[in-house]
Protein backbone atom coordinates (compact mmCIF):
# COMPACT_ATOMS: atom_id res chain seq x y z
CA MET A 1 0.19 0.11 0.17
CA SER A 2 1.28 3.55 -0.91
CA VAL A 3 1.53 6.11 1.77
CA LEU A 4 -1.77 7.83 0.90
CA GLN A 5 -3.65 4.60 1.00
CA ARG A 6 -2.41 4.00 4.65
CA LEU A 7 -3.00 7.72 5.59
CA PHE A 8 -6.21 8.02 3.94
CA PRO A 9 -8.54 6.21 6.90
CA TRP A 10 -6.90 8.69 9.60
CA ILE A 11 -7.46 11.72 6.99
CA VAL A 12 -11.12 10.59 6.94
CA GLY A 13 -11.50 9.90 10.79
CA LEU A 14 -9.94 13.54 11.32
CA LEU A 15 -12.31 15.40 9.13
CA ALA A 16 -15.25 13.52 10.53
CA LEU A 17 -14.21 14.59 14.00
CA VAL A 18 -13.40 18.17 12.90
CA TYR A 19 -17.16 18.04 11.54
CA VAL A 20 -18.77 16.60 14.87
CA ALA A 21 -16.56 18.94 17.43
CA MET A 22 -17.90 21.85 14.68
CA VAL A 23 -21.37 20.83 15.05
CA ALA A 24 -21.36 20.67 18.95
CA GLY A 25 -19.78 23.96 19.40
CA ARG A 26 -21.82 25.96 16.95
CA PRO A 27 -24.01 28.41 18.74
CA GLU A 28 -27.61 27.83 17.08
CA HIS A 29 -29.26 31.10 17.92
CA THR A 30 -28.55 34.28 16.62
CA GLY A 31 -27.73 35.78 20.20
CA GLU A 32 -26.35 34.21 23.44
CA HIS A 33 -29.19 35.64 25.17
CA TRP A 34 -31.98 33.43 23.30
CA ARG A 35 -30.41 30.51 25.16
CA ASP A 36 -31.90 32.03 28.61
CA TYR A 37 -35.25 31.89 26.58
CA ALA A 38 -34.75 28.17 25.19
CA ARG A 39 -34.08 26.49 28.48
CA LEU A 40 -37.13 28.10 30.36
CA PRO A 41 -39.45 25.09 31.61
CA VAL A 42 -42.94 24.76 30.27
CA CYS A 43 -45.44 22.10 30.59
CA ALA A 44 -46.85 20.60 27.43
CA ASP A 45 -48.27 17.04 26.48
CA GLY A 46 -48.15 15.69 29.75
CA ARG A 47 -44.39 16.54 30.62
CA VAL A 48 -42.18 19.51 31.59
CA LYS A 49 -39.75 20.33 28.67
CA PRO A 50 -37.64 23.59 27.76
CA LEU A 51 -39.59 26.00 25.59
CA ASP A 52 -36.68 25.15 22.80
CA THR A 53 -38.47 21.55 22.71
CA PHE A 54 -41.96 22.79 22.32
CA ALA A 55 -41.05 25.30 19.91
CA ARG A 56 -39.39 22.94 17.68
CA ASN A 57 -42.11 20.42 18.00
CA SER A 58 -44.44 23.06 17.17
CA LEU A 59 -43.06 24.53 14.30
CA MET A 60 -42.16 21.06 12.93
CA GLN A 61 -45.84 20.18 12.66
CA ILE A 62 -46.79 23.51 11.56
CA SER A 63 -43.94 24.11 8.84
CA GLY A 64 -42.06 20.72 8.32
CA ARG A 65 -38.57 22.36 9.47
CA GLN A 66 -37.19 23.69 12.71
CA THR A 67 -36.11 27.31 11.82
CA ALA A 68 -38.32 30.05 10.34
CA ASP A 69 -37.55 32.52 7.65
CA PHE A 70 -37.22 36.17 9.19
CA ASP A 71 -37.06 38.57 6.35
CA GLY A 72 -34.49 36.70 4.72
CA ARG A 73 -32.48 35.24 7.85
CA ARG A 74 -32.99 31.74 9.28
CA ALA A 75 -34.39 32.16 12.92
CA SER A 76 -34.48 29.58 15.60
CA ALA A 77 -37.88 28.22 16.63
CA THR A 78 -37.32 29.86 20.25
CA GLU A 79 -37.21 33.26 18.58
CA TRP A 80 -40.36 32.22 16.61
CA ILE A 81 -42.56 31.01 19.19
CA VAL A 82 -41.40 34.19 21.49
CA GLU A 83 -42.55 36.54 18.62
CA LEU A 84 -45.81 34.62 18.16
CA MET A 85 -46.74 34.69 21.80
CA SER A 86 -45.53 38.51 22.36
CA SER A 87 -46.22 40.13 19.00
CA PRO A 88 -49.06 37.79 17.03
CA SER A 89 -49.55 40.44 14.47
CA LYS A 90 -46.11 40.80 13.44
CA ALA A 91 -45.73 36.92 13.43
CA ALA A 92 -48.70 36.75 11.35
CA GLY A 93 -46.65 37.64 8.23
CA ARG A 94 -44.28 35.05 8.64
CA ASN A 95 -44.42 32.21 6.08
CA VAL A 96 -44.56 29.12 8.07
CA PHE A 97 -47.34 27.30 7.19
CA ARG A 98 -46.67 24.44 4.71
CA ILE A 99 -49.08 23.58 1.96
CA ASP A 100 -48.36 21.03 -0.76
CA HIS A 101 -51.65 19.97 -2.38
CA PRO A 102 -52.07 22.48 -5.38
CA ASP A 103 -55.98 22.72 -4.73
CA VAL A 104 -55.46 24.05 -1.13
CA VAL A 105 -53.34 26.80 -2.50
CA SER A 106 -55.76 27.77 -5.07
CA MET A 107 -58.12 27.96 -2.25
CA LEU A 108 -56.23 30.77 -0.78
CA GLY A 109 -56.09 32.54 -4.01
CA VAL A 110 -52.50 32.42 -4.43
CA LYS A 111 -51.65 32.10 -8.23
CA ASP A 112 -47.90 30.90 -7.94
CA PRO A 113 -48.09 27.07 -7.66
CA LYS A 114 -44.47 26.96 -6.53
CA ARG A 115 -45.18 28.01 -3.10
CA THR A 116 -45.03 25.83 -0.54
CA ARG A 117 -45.30 28.21 2.78
CA PHE A 118 -47.62 30.74 3.57
CA ALA A 119 -48.38 32.95 6.16
CA TRP A 120 -51.05 33.49 8.77
CA SER A 121 -52.22 36.59 7.13
CA GLU A 122 -52.74 34.87 3.68
CA LEU A 123 -54.87 31.96 5.69
CA GLU A 124 -57.19 34.02 8.03
CA PRO A 125 -59.10 35.62 5.07
CA LYS A 126 -60.08 32.34 3.65
CA LEU A 127 -60.31 30.68 7.60
CA ASP A 128 -63.93 29.97 7.40
CA GLU A 129 -63.90 27.94 4.38
CA LEU A 130 -60.57 26.06 5.44
CA LEU A 131 -62.29 25.05 8.61
CA ARG A 132 -65.57 24.32 6.71
CA GLN A 133 -63.35 21.90 4.33
CA ALA A 134 -61.46 20.31 7.26
CA ASP A 135 -64.50 19.65 9.28
CA LYS A 136 -66.15 17.84 6.22
CA ALA A 137 -62.89 16.13 5.62
CA GLU A 138 -62.86 14.94 9.28
CA GLN A 139 -66.28 13.00 8.77
CA VAL A 140 -64.40 10.87 6.36
CA SER A 141 -62.66 7.99 7.88
CA ALA A 142 -58.68 8.62 8.05
CA LYS A 143 -58.10 5.63 5.87
CA GLN A 144 -60.47 6.44 3.37
CA ARG A 145 -59.40 10.44 2.66
CA ASP A 146 -57.83 11.24 -0.54
CA PRO A 147 -54.99 13.22 -0.72
CA TYR A 148 -56.81 16.79 -0.59
CA GLN A 149 -58.96 15.65 2.63
CA ARG A 150 -55.55 14.66 4.14
CA GLU A 151 -54.08 18.09 3.56
CA VAL A 152 -57.09 20.34 4.61
CA VAL A 153 -57.22 18.11 7.90
CA GLN A 154 -53.51 18.66 8.64
CA LEU A 155 -53.89 22.24 7.55
CA GLY A 156 -56.71 22.63 10.22
CA HIS A 157 -54.30 20.97 13.12
CA ARG A 158 -51.79 23.42 12.41
CA MET A 159 -53.96 26.49 12.33
CA SER A 160 -55.52 25.18 15.69
CA LEU A 161 -51.82 24.78 17.13
CA TYR A 162 -50.95 28.18 15.99
CA ALA A 163 -54.05 29.83 17.09
CA ARG A 164 -53.75 28.51 20.59
CA ILE A 165 -50.00 29.71 20.78
CA ALA A 166 -50.83 32.97 19.81
CA GLN A 167 -53.92 32.65 22.25
CA MET A 168 -51.36 31.82 24.95
CA GLN A 169 -53.63 28.70 25.71
CA THR A 170 -50.46 26.42 25.16
CA PRO A 171 -48.07 25.84 26.52
CA LEU A 172 -48.64 26.07 30.11
CA THR A 173 -46.01 28.73 30.58
CA VAL A 174 -46.67 29.74 34.52
CA ALA A 175 -44.71 27.67 36.86
CA PRO A 176 -45.92 26.76 40.18
CA VAL A 177 -43.24 28.15 42.19
CA GLY A 178 -45.67 28.67 45.13
CA ALA A 179 -47.50 26.39 47.63
CA GLY A 180 -50.54 25.05 45.87
CA GLU A 181 -49.95 26.23 42.80
CA ASP A 182 -49.98 24.42 39.59
CA TRP A 183 -49.00 24.90 35.69
CA ARG A 184 -51.07 27.14 34.21
CA PRO A 185 -51.53 28.70 30.79
CA LEU A 186 -51.01 32.40 30.41
CA ALA A 187 -54.39 32.78 29.21
CA ASP A 188 -55.79 32.08 32.46
CA VAL A 189 -53.84 34.86 33.91
CA VAL A 190 -55.11 37.06 31.40
CA ARG A 191 -58.88 36.02 32.23
CA ASP A 192 -58.41 35.84 35.99
CA PRO A 193 -56.25 39.22 37.00
CA ALA A 194 -56.41 37.60 40.54
CA LEU A 195 -53.72 35.05 39.20
CA SER A 196 -51.41 37.77 38.22
CA ASP A 197 -49.85 38.14 41.58
CA GLN A 198 -48.05 34.64 41.06
CA ALA A 199 -44.26 35.31 40.79
CA SER A 200 -44.17 33.24 37.64
CA ALA A 201 -46.72 34.98 35.95
CA LYS A 202 -45.27 38.51 36.57
CA SER A 203 -41.98 37.17 35.17
CA VAL A 204 -43.76 35.88 32.22
CA ILE A 205 -45.99 38.78 31.61
CA SER A 206 -42.56 41.17 32.09
CA ILE A 207 -40.77 39.00 29.35
CA LEU A 208 -43.72 39.01 26.64
CA ALA A 209 -44.36 42.43 27.54
CA ALA A 210 -40.82 43.81 26.77
CA ARG A 211 -40.69 41.86 23.60
CA ALA A 212 -43.73 43.44 22.29
CA LYS A 213 -42.18 46.93 22.90
CA ASP A 214 -39.06 45.84 21.08
CA ASP A 215 -37.13 46.36 24.62
CA THR A 216 -35.06 43.38 24.11
CA ALA A 217 -32.63 44.36 26.79
CA THR A 218 -35.17 44.38 29.34
CA ALA A 219 -37.05 41.33 27.96
CA ASP A 220 -33.38 39.76 28.04
CA ARG A 221 -32.77 40.43 31.65
CA GLU A 222 -36.26 39.48 32.81
CA ALA A 223 -35.71 35.80 31.16
CA ALA A 224 -32.15 35.45 32.62
CA ALA A 225 -33.65 36.55 36.08
CA TYR A 226 -36.66 34.20 35.47
CA GLY A 227 -34.46 31.11 34.83
CA SER A 228 -32.07 31.89 37.81
CA ALA A 229 -35.50 31.93 40.19
CA LEU A 230 -36.61 28.76 38.97
CA THR A 231 -33.18 27.25 39.34
CA ALA A 232 -33.48 28.07 42.59
CA VAL A 233 -36.94 26.59 43.06
CA PHE A 234 -36.32 23.47 40.88
CA PRO A 235 -32.78 22.97 40.51
CA GLY A 236 -33.22 19.37 38.84
CA MET A 237 -35.98 20.43 36.51
CA ILE A 238 -33.65 23.38 35.22
CA SER A 239 -30.78 21.04 34.97
CA THR A 240 -32.80 18.74 32.92
CA SER A 241 -34.07 21.49 30.63
CA GLU A 242 -30.45 22.30 29.80
CA HIS A 243 -29.61 19.16 28.85
CA GLU A 244 -32.49 18.64 26.58
CA THR A 245 -31.87 22.10 24.95
CA LEU A 246 -28.32 21.13 24.52
CA PHE A 247 -29.49 17.78 22.83
CA ASN A 248 -31.98 19.67 20.54
CA ARG A 249 -28.88 21.94 19.63
CA ILE A 250 -26.52 19.16 18.55
CA GLU A 251 -28.91 16.89 17.06
CA PRO A 252 -26.89 13.87 17.28
CA PHE A 253 -29.23 11.86 15.11
CA TYR A 254 -28.69 14.12 12.03
CA GLN A 255 -25.39 14.19 12.51
CA SER A 256 -24.96 10.53 12.75
CA ALA A 257 -26.98 10.33 9.54
CA VAL A 258 -24.41 12.50 7.93
CA LEU A 259 -21.54 10.01 8.90
CA TYR A 260 -23.43 7.23 7.82
CA VAL A 261 -23.92 9.01 4.27
CA LEU A 262 -19.96 9.40 4.24
CA ALA A 263 -19.48 5.95 5.10
CA PHE A 264 -21.90 4.90 2.54
CA VAL A 265 -20.36 6.83 -0.27
CA LEU A 266 -16.92 5.42 0.98
CA ALA A 267 -18.35 1.85 0.87
CA CYS A 268 -19.65 2.17 -2.66
CA PHE A 269 -16.28 3.35 -3.50
CA ALA A 270 -14.59 0.46 -2.01
CA LEU A 271 -16.66 -2.11 -3.85
CA LEU A 272 -15.49 -0.13 -7.20
CA ALA A 273 -12.15 -0.54 -6.23
CA ARG A 274 -12.37 -4.09 -5.71
CA GLN A 275 -13.44 -4.76 -9.08
CA SER A 276 -10.60 -2.51 -10.63
CA VAL A 277 -7.57 -4.14 -12.27
CA ALA A 278 -5.24 -1.80 -10.11
CA GLY A 279 -7.49 -2.56 -6.78
CA GLY A 280 -8.35 -6.16 -6.55
CA THR A 281 -8.66 -7.26 -2.54
CA GLY A 282 -5.93 -4.95 -1.65
CA GLY A 283 -4.57 -1.33 -2.46
CA TRP A 284 -7.27 1.25 -2.29
CA PHE A 285 -9.98 -1.41 -1.42
CA ILE A 286 -8.38 -2.09 1.78
CA SER A 287 -8.01 1.76 2.32
CA LEU A 288 -11.33 2.82 1.61
CA ASN A 289 -13.02 -0.41 3.64
CA ARG A 290 -11.04 0.95 6.46
CA ALA A 291 -11.86 4.56 5.94
CA THR A 292 -15.66 3.38 5.74
CA LEU A 293 -15.21 1.69 8.97
CA VAL A 294 -14.04 4.75 10.75
CA ALA A 295 -16.81 6.79 9.54
CA ILE A 296 -19.21 4.09 10.63
CA ALA A 297 -17.65 3.68 13.87
CA LEU A 298 -17.77 7.57 14.48
CA GLY A 299 -21.42 7.80 13.44
CA PHE A 300 -22.31 4.86 15.69
CA VAL A 301 -20.83 6.46 18.72
CA VAL A 302 -22.72 9.84 17.82
CA HIS A 303 -25.76 7.61 17.45
CA THR A 304 -25.25 5.93 21.00
CA LEU A 305 -24.85 9.07 22.32
CA GLY A 306 -27.90 10.28 21.39
CA ILE A 307 -30.08 7.32 22.59
CA ALA A 308 -28.04 7.46 25.97
CA ALA A 309 -29.14 11.29 26.05
CA ARG A 310 -32.91 10.14 25.31
CA ILE A 311 -32.72 7.66 27.99
CA TYR A 312 -31.50 10.00 30.68
CA LEU A 313 -34.03 12.70 29.59
CA GLN A 314 -37.17 10.51 29.66
CA GLY A 315 -35.70 8.20 32.41
CA ARG A 316 -36.96 5.42 30.36
CA PRO A 317 -35.29 2.62 28.13
CA PRO A 318 -34.62 3.56 24.54
CA VAL A 319 -37.60 2.07 22.73
CA THR A 320 -41.15 4.04 23.93
CA ASN A 321 -42.45 4.76 20.80
CA LEU A 322 -42.56 4.56 17.11
CA TYR A 323 -39.93 7.14 16.75
CA SER A 324 -37.48 5.60 19.09
CA SER A 325 -38.19 2.26 17.41
CA ALA A 326 -36.75 3.79 14.18
CA VAL A 327 -33.57 5.17 16.05
CA PHE A 328 -33.05 1.73 17.70
CA ILE A 329 -33.39 -0.47 14.95
CA GLY A 330 -30.93 1.54 12.92
CA TRP A 331 -28.58 1.47 15.84
CA ALA A 332 -28.77 -2.14 16.49
CA CYS A 333 -28.38 -3.14 13.08
CA VAL A 334 -24.87 -1.30 12.76
CA PRO A 335 -22.81 -3.52 14.98
CA LEU A 336 -24.73 -6.89 13.80
CA ALA A 337 -23.54 -5.55 10.12
CA LEU A 338 -20.38 -4.95 11.34
CA VAL A 339 -19.82 -8.74 12.97
CA GLY A 340 -20.57 -10.04 9.75
CA GLU A 341 -17.89 -7.68 8.18
CA TRP A 342 -15.22 -8.66 10.74
CA PHE A 343 -15.79 -12.45 9.78
CA PHE A 344 -16.06 -11.91 5.70
CA ARG A 345 -14.44 -8.71 4.95
CA PHE A 346 -15.57 -7.95 1.56
CA GLY A 347 -17.34 -4.82 2.35
CA PHE A 348 -20.88 -5.61 2.09
CA GLY A 349 -21.34 -5.44 6.18
CA ASN A 350 -20.22 -1.97 5.91
CA LEU A 351 -22.56 -1.34 3.03
CA ALA A 352 -25.34 -2.47 5.06
CA ALA A 353 -24.32 -0.96 8.10
CA SER A 354 -24.02 2.57 6.55
CA LEU A 355 -27.36 1.91 4.34
CA ILE A 356 -29.48 0.82 6.98
CA GLY A 357 -28.15 3.25 9.79
CA PHE A 358 -28.77 6.49 7.46
CA ALA A 359 -32.51 4.77 6.12
CA THR A 360 -33.75 4.34 9.56
CA LEU A 361 -32.80 7.76 10.74
CA VAL A 362 -34.42 9.21 7.84
CA VAL A 363 -37.58 7.35 8.90
CA ALA A 364 -37.29 8.53 12.50
CA HIS A 365 -36.83 12.28 11.08
CA ASN A 366 -40.34 12.11 9.24
CA LEU A 367 -41.87 10.53 12.44
CA SER A 368 -40.80 13.51 14.25
CA SER A 369 -43.04 15.76 12.41
CA GLY A 370 -45.80 14.19 14.70
CA GLY A 371 -45.20 15.88 17.84
CA ASP A 372 -42.96 15.41 20.78
CA THR A 373 -40.86 12.19 20.40
CA MET A 374 -40.53 12.08 24.41
CA GLU A 375 -44.12 12.13 24.89
CA MET A 376 -45.42 10.53 28.16
CA MET A 377 -46.21 6.89 28.12
CA GLN A 378 -49.67 5.19 27.84
CA ALA A 379 -50.66 3.73 31.15
CA VAL A 380 -50.26 0.38 29.86
CA LEU A 381 -46.76 0.80 28.41
CA ASP A 382 -45.63 2.54 31.95
CA SER A 383 -43.38 -0.43 32.99
CA ASN A 384 -39.50 0.04 32.53
CA PHE A 385 -38.88 -3.70 33.21
CA TRP A 386 -40.79 -4.84 30.20
CA LEU A 387 -39.84 -1.78 27.91
CA SER A 388 -36.31 -2.99 28.82
CA THR A 389 -36.76 -6.48 28.09
CA HIS A 390 -39.99 -7.35 25.52
CA VAL A 391 -39.51 -4.12 23.87
CA VAL A 392 -35.83 -4.01 23.41
CA VAL A 393 -35.49 -7.70 22.34
CA VAL A 394 -38.25 -7.75 19.95
CA THR A 395 -36.97 -4.57 18.41
CA ILE A 396 -33.50 -6.30 18.11
CA GLY A 397 -35.43 -9.02 16.33
CA TYR A 398 -36.77 -6.37 13.91
CA SER A 399 -33.43 -5.26 13.46
CA ALA A 400 -31.68 -8.60 12.57
CA THR A 401 -34.68 -9.48 10.34
CA PHE A 402 -33.94 -5.98 8.08
CA LEU A 403 -30.57 -6.56 8.09
CA ALA A 404 -31.05 -10.01 7.00
CA GLY A 405 -33.32 -8.95 4.19
CA PHE A 406 -30.94 -5.91 3.14
CA LEU A 407 -27.73 -8.15 2.72
CA ALA A 408 -30.20 -10.52 0.75
CA VAL A 409 -31.07 -7.75 -1.68
CA ALA A 410 -27.43 -6.74 -1.92
CA TYR A 411 -27.08 -10.65 -2.84
CA VAL A 412 -29.66 -10.55 -5.69
CA LEU A 413 -29.23 -6.97 -7.04
CA GLY A 414 -25.44 -7.40 -6.82
CA GLY A 415 -25.06 -11.04 -8.09
CA ALA A 416 -27.88 -10.66 -10.98
CA LEU A 417 -27.05 -7.26 -12.34
CA THR A 418 -23.60 -6.35 -11.51
CA PRO A 419 -20.32 -8.61 -11.43
CA LEU A 420 -19.46 -6.99 -8.25
CA LEU A 421 -20.10 -10.41 -6.29
CA ARG A 422 -17.95 -12.52 -8.74
CA GLY A 423 -15.62 -15.04 -6.76
CA GLU A 424 -15.86 -15.50 -3.08
CA PRO A 425 -18.33 -12.79 -2.44
CA MET A 426 -21.09 -15.05 -4.01
CA LYS A 427 -20.28 -18.01 -1.39
CA THR A 428 -19.83 -15.83 1.73
CA LEU A 429 -22.87 -13.31 1.20
CA PRO A 430 -25.33 -15.99 1.66
CA LYS A 431 -23.62 -17.18 4.47
CA MET A 432 -24.03 -13.71 6.20
CA VAL A 433 -27.57 -13.87 5.23
CA TYR A 434 -28.23 -17.31 6.77
CA GLY A 435 -26.32 -16.21 10.05
CA VAL A 436 -28.39 -13.35 10.54
CA ILE A 437 -31.44 -15.07 10.32
CA CYS A 438 -30.70 -17.59 12.87
CA PHE A 439 -29.75 -14.68 15.30
CA ALA A 440 -33.14 -13.13 14.22
CA SER A 441 -35.25 -16.18 14.86
CA VAL A 442 -34.10 -16.32 18.30
CA ALA A 443 -34.38 -12.63 19.07
CA SER A 444 -38.00 -12.49 17.61
CA PHE A 445 -39.08 -15.73 19.40
CA VAL A 446 -37.79 -14.52 22.65
CA GLY A 447 -38.95 -11.01 22.19
CA THR A 448 -42.72 -12.14 21.22
CA VAL A 449 -42.76 -14.76 24.35
CA LEU A 450 -41.91 -11.67 26.60
CA GLY A 451 -44.50 -9.71 25.25
CA GLY A 452 -46.98 -12.55 25.99
CA ILE A 453 -46.12 -12.37 29.59
CA TRP A 454 -46.50 -8.78 29.72
CA ALA A 455 -49.93 -8.78 28.26
CA ASP A 456 -50.86 -11.68 30.18
CA GLN A 457 -49.91 -9.02 33.28
CA SER A 458 -51.62 -6.12 31.69
CA TRP A 459 -54.91 -7.44 30.11
CA GLY A 460 -55.08 -10.81 31.71
CA ARG A 461 -54.29 -12.97 28.33
CA PHE A 462 -51.41 -14.20 27.14
CA TRP A 463 -52.35 -13.85 23.37
CA GLY A 464 -55.43 -12.35 21.82
CA TRP A 465 -54.98 -12.57 17.96
CA ASP A 466 -54.40 -8.35 18.04
CA PRO A 467 -52.74 -7.30 14.59
CA LYS A 468 -49.41 -6.38 16.25
CA GLU A 469 -49.25 -9.82 18.03
CA ASN A 470 -50.14 -11.33 14.79
CA GLY A 471 -47.25 -9.31 13.03
CA ALA A 472 -44.86 -10.36 15.50
CA ALA A 473 -45.66 -14.14 15.22
CA LEU A 474 -45.33 -13.64 11.42
CA ILE A 475 -41.81 -12.54 11.80
CA VAL A 476 -40.95 -15.60 13.99
CA ALA A 477 -42.86 -18.05 11.85
CA TRP A 478 -41.16 -16.41 8.80
CA ASN A 479 -37.69 -16.66 9.92
CA VAL A 480 -38.22 -20.31 11.07
CA LEU A 481 -39.89 -21.19 7.93
CA ILE A 482 -36.52 -19.89 6.17
CA LEU A 483 -34.49 -22.06 8.20
CA HIS A 484 -36.62 -25.26 7.91
CA ALA A 485 -36.60 -24.69 3.95
CA ARG A 486 -32.76 -24.46 4.05
CA TRP A 487 -32.32 -27.30 6.19
CA GLY A 488 -34.50 -29.38 4.65
CA GLY A 489 -32.90 -28.61 1.10
CA MET A 490 -36.20 -26.84 -0.60
CA VAL A 491 -34.26 -23.96 -1.30
CA LYS A 492 -30.32 -23.17 -1.43
CA GLU A 493 -28.58 -19.67 -1.81
CA ARG A 494 -30.91 -17.88 -4.15
CA GLY A 495 -34.10 -19.36 -2.43
CA VAL A 496 -32.98 -18.30 0.97
CA ALA A 497 -32.24 -14.54 -0.13
CA ALA A 498 -35.56 -14.11 -2.01
CA MET A 499 -37.31 -15.39 1.10
CA ALA A 500 -35.12 -13.18 3.54
CA VAL A 501 -36.12 -10.22 1.16
CA PHE A 502 -39.62 -10.92 1.39
CA GLY A 503 -38.64 -10.99 5.36
CA ASN A 504 -38.49 -7.05 4.69
CA VAL A 505 -42.14 -7.08 3.74
CA VAL A 506 -43.36 -9.03 6.79
CA THR A 507 -41.12 -6.70 9.58
CA ALA A 508 -42.36 -3.80 7.82
CA TRP A 509 -46.01 -4.81 8.09
CA SER A 510 -45.37 -5.81 11.72
CA TRP A 511 -43.46 -2.67 12.56
CA PHE A 512 -45.77 0.16 10.67
CA GLY A 513 -48.38 -1.97 8.81
CA THR A 514 -50.59 -2.83 12.36
CA ASN A 515 -50.68 0.81 13.31
CA MET A 516 -52.15 2.05 9.90
CA LEU A 517 -54.86 -0.67 10.54
CA GLY A 518 -55.86 2.03 13.53
CA VAL A 519 -57.41 -0.83 15.67
CA GLY A 520 -56.09 -3.33 18.17
CA LEU A 521 -54.71 -2.90 21.96
CA HIS A 522 -51.05 -1.97 20.09
CA SER A 523 -52.04 0.90 17.78
CA TYR A 524 -50.42 3.52 19.15
CA GLY A 525 -49.67 5.67 16.14
CA PHE A 526 -51.70 5.72 12.99
CA MET A 527 -50.31 7.58 10.25
CA ASP A 528 -52.23 7.82 6.96
CA SER A 529 -49.23 9.80 5.37
CA ALA A 530 -47.01 6.70 5.55
CA VAL A 531 -49.22 4.57 3.66
CA PHE A 532 -47.50 5.33 0.32
CA TRP A 533 -44.01 4.71 1.61
CA LEU A 534 -44.86 1.45 3.41
CA VAL A 535 -46.80 0.36 -0.09
CA SER A 536 -43.82 1.73 -2.05
CA PHE A 537 -41.45 -0.23 -0.08
CA CYS A 538 -43.04 -3.68 0.01
CA LEU A 539 -43.31 -3.20 -3.85
CA ALA A 540 -39.51 -2.75 -4.47
CA GLN A 541 -38.93 -5.73 -2.24
CA LEU A 542 -41.37 -7.77 -4.10
CA LEU A 543 -39.44 -6.61 -7.54
CA VAL A 544 -36.31 -7.89 -5.80
CA VAL A 545 -37.94 -11.14 -5.06
CA GLY A 546 -39.02 -11.35 -8.74
CA ILE A 547 -35.16 -10.65 -10.05
CA ALA A 548 -34.18 -13.12 -7.66
CA GLN A 549 -36.19 -15.73 -9.77
CA ILE A 550 -33.64 -15.75 -12.45
CA PRO A 551 -31.54 -18.68 -12.33
CA THR A 552 -27.96 -17.90 -10.91
CA THR A 553 -26.30 -19.40 -14.25
CA ARG A 554 -27.47 -15.92 -15.86
CA TRP A 555 -26.34 -13.88 -12.98
CA ARG A 556 -23.65 -11.11 -14.07
CA SER A 557 -21.46 -12.28 -11.10
CA VAL A 558 -21.54 -15.96 -12.27
CA LEU A 559 -20.87 -15.56 -16.07
CA PRO A 560 -17.28 -15.42 -16.95
CA PRO A 561 -15.74 -12.09 -17.46
CA ARG A 562 -16.51 -10.29 -20.86
CA LYS A 563 -13.20 -10.01 -22.78
CA PRO A 564 -12.07 -6.65 -24.11
CA LEU A 565 -13.16 -5.66 -27.56
CA GLU A 566 -9.56 -5.49 -29.10
CA SER A 567 -8.80 -8.87 -27.97
CA VAL A 568 -12.30 -10.28 -29.52
CA ARG A 569 -10.98 -8.46 -32.60
CA GLY A 570 -7.61 -10.09 -32.61
CA ALA A 571 -9.14 -13.36 -32.39
CA VAL A 572 -11.39 -13.14 -35.27
CA THR A 573 -8.77 -11.32 -37.40
CA PRO A 574 -7.26 -13.48 -40.17
CA ALA A 575 -3.72 -14.14 -40.21
């Protein structure tokens, strides 16, 4: 190996570390004073959280992003919500409402079809018609709404949230600093002047009044003083609020997704280098593979720190809802894929780790638009023991089944359509798939049994043929069916791969499809907007299963290499 090839993994690792350090140290707000506002605690969705978290979640639901456009500059969610609460007439001109459906846009009288974000001042003249359309669409079952009806319903919810914030009905901003007090919305203080004597109410009113007058110096002093006063009364709550604000600012899952993308690009180049004449199985292939491993390892560390931070902030195990399940599934897949890479070292483990890690974090990002990702647990789920055992183990089973499926996709597409698997990988990649299926069978079976025991304690029955229970049983049955088919000689490498790819469909159904039914005791998060992506994913997997039906004798990685054109001409040219 050349000097550059030896140093390349170190260079990649150093650049990735510099990126992480810059992200961790960057100031998110336009001024340091906004950090005093961001960490102020409020109460919403059943839990106390920093104003920064509530602002991000609200703006994400309304606008689809966590920043707002303030006259050509990007403002933080905290700055946006403080303006909305203190100067709603000024905030009404900000383009924060995201509307994608052209028919809804045309209803507003806007002639620019390319616009996707609009201001409250543009929606308000059509408010009665929009609410009428939303009420009409609400009467249709969520599973039967067309895209226009879904958009109108979502817009109605966004407008309702915006109005409640502007009217100071949410969040609960008046903290209970005195005996017998409770969290209250500022709207209660406005309706009942007697409540304005509370210390918290006075501070919040002073802050918003100063912001309304553009007296930023006074507002900043009041915010800092209010934060100090709350620290003296609730030191633990303020400390947690500060940590959650830091977690929001760093965005560890977004940063790990960036590192996984870098790793995926490097893994692709490593596979190309392996096929090159100069690369072979040494040289740049080894260098790029090591660089890929460095990027994955750093992304995994950031990913792990993000999960650990959520565990600390929630006081709960890592998986509590759909969002956290997506984060955890990707996290669990990474080390499982790297174990396979450690044994076989052909680059496909790195490829699977980076791709699945990134894809699941993208899924989690889209799930975060539904609201608070650290929401309070439903009463039936309020058990750290079972969340730490059943939920974690069964989610690891999901992860392993997905990993086997994605490795099988790489085997089918790489073998049938490209020469990338020519040689030893055609033998070793099926072994990786088989080994992961064995692990997935055990994890999914143990997790499902533990779930039955929890159901018996919670609902008085071990099994009730609930859709989610059926989905878990299907995963176990499908993995066992693959193993029995292989042991019985009914399928070989290609058949195992095709069945493992279909395992992605079974797992996706158990993970998301059961929630979309909207029925059963396990339906905790119906999302009609995800139906398209679930169906598209399943159709893509079925397409790969169809490609797997091509006999391996016709796969490009099995066929002999094509001879260069010049050598062919020389062979047919007469002497």
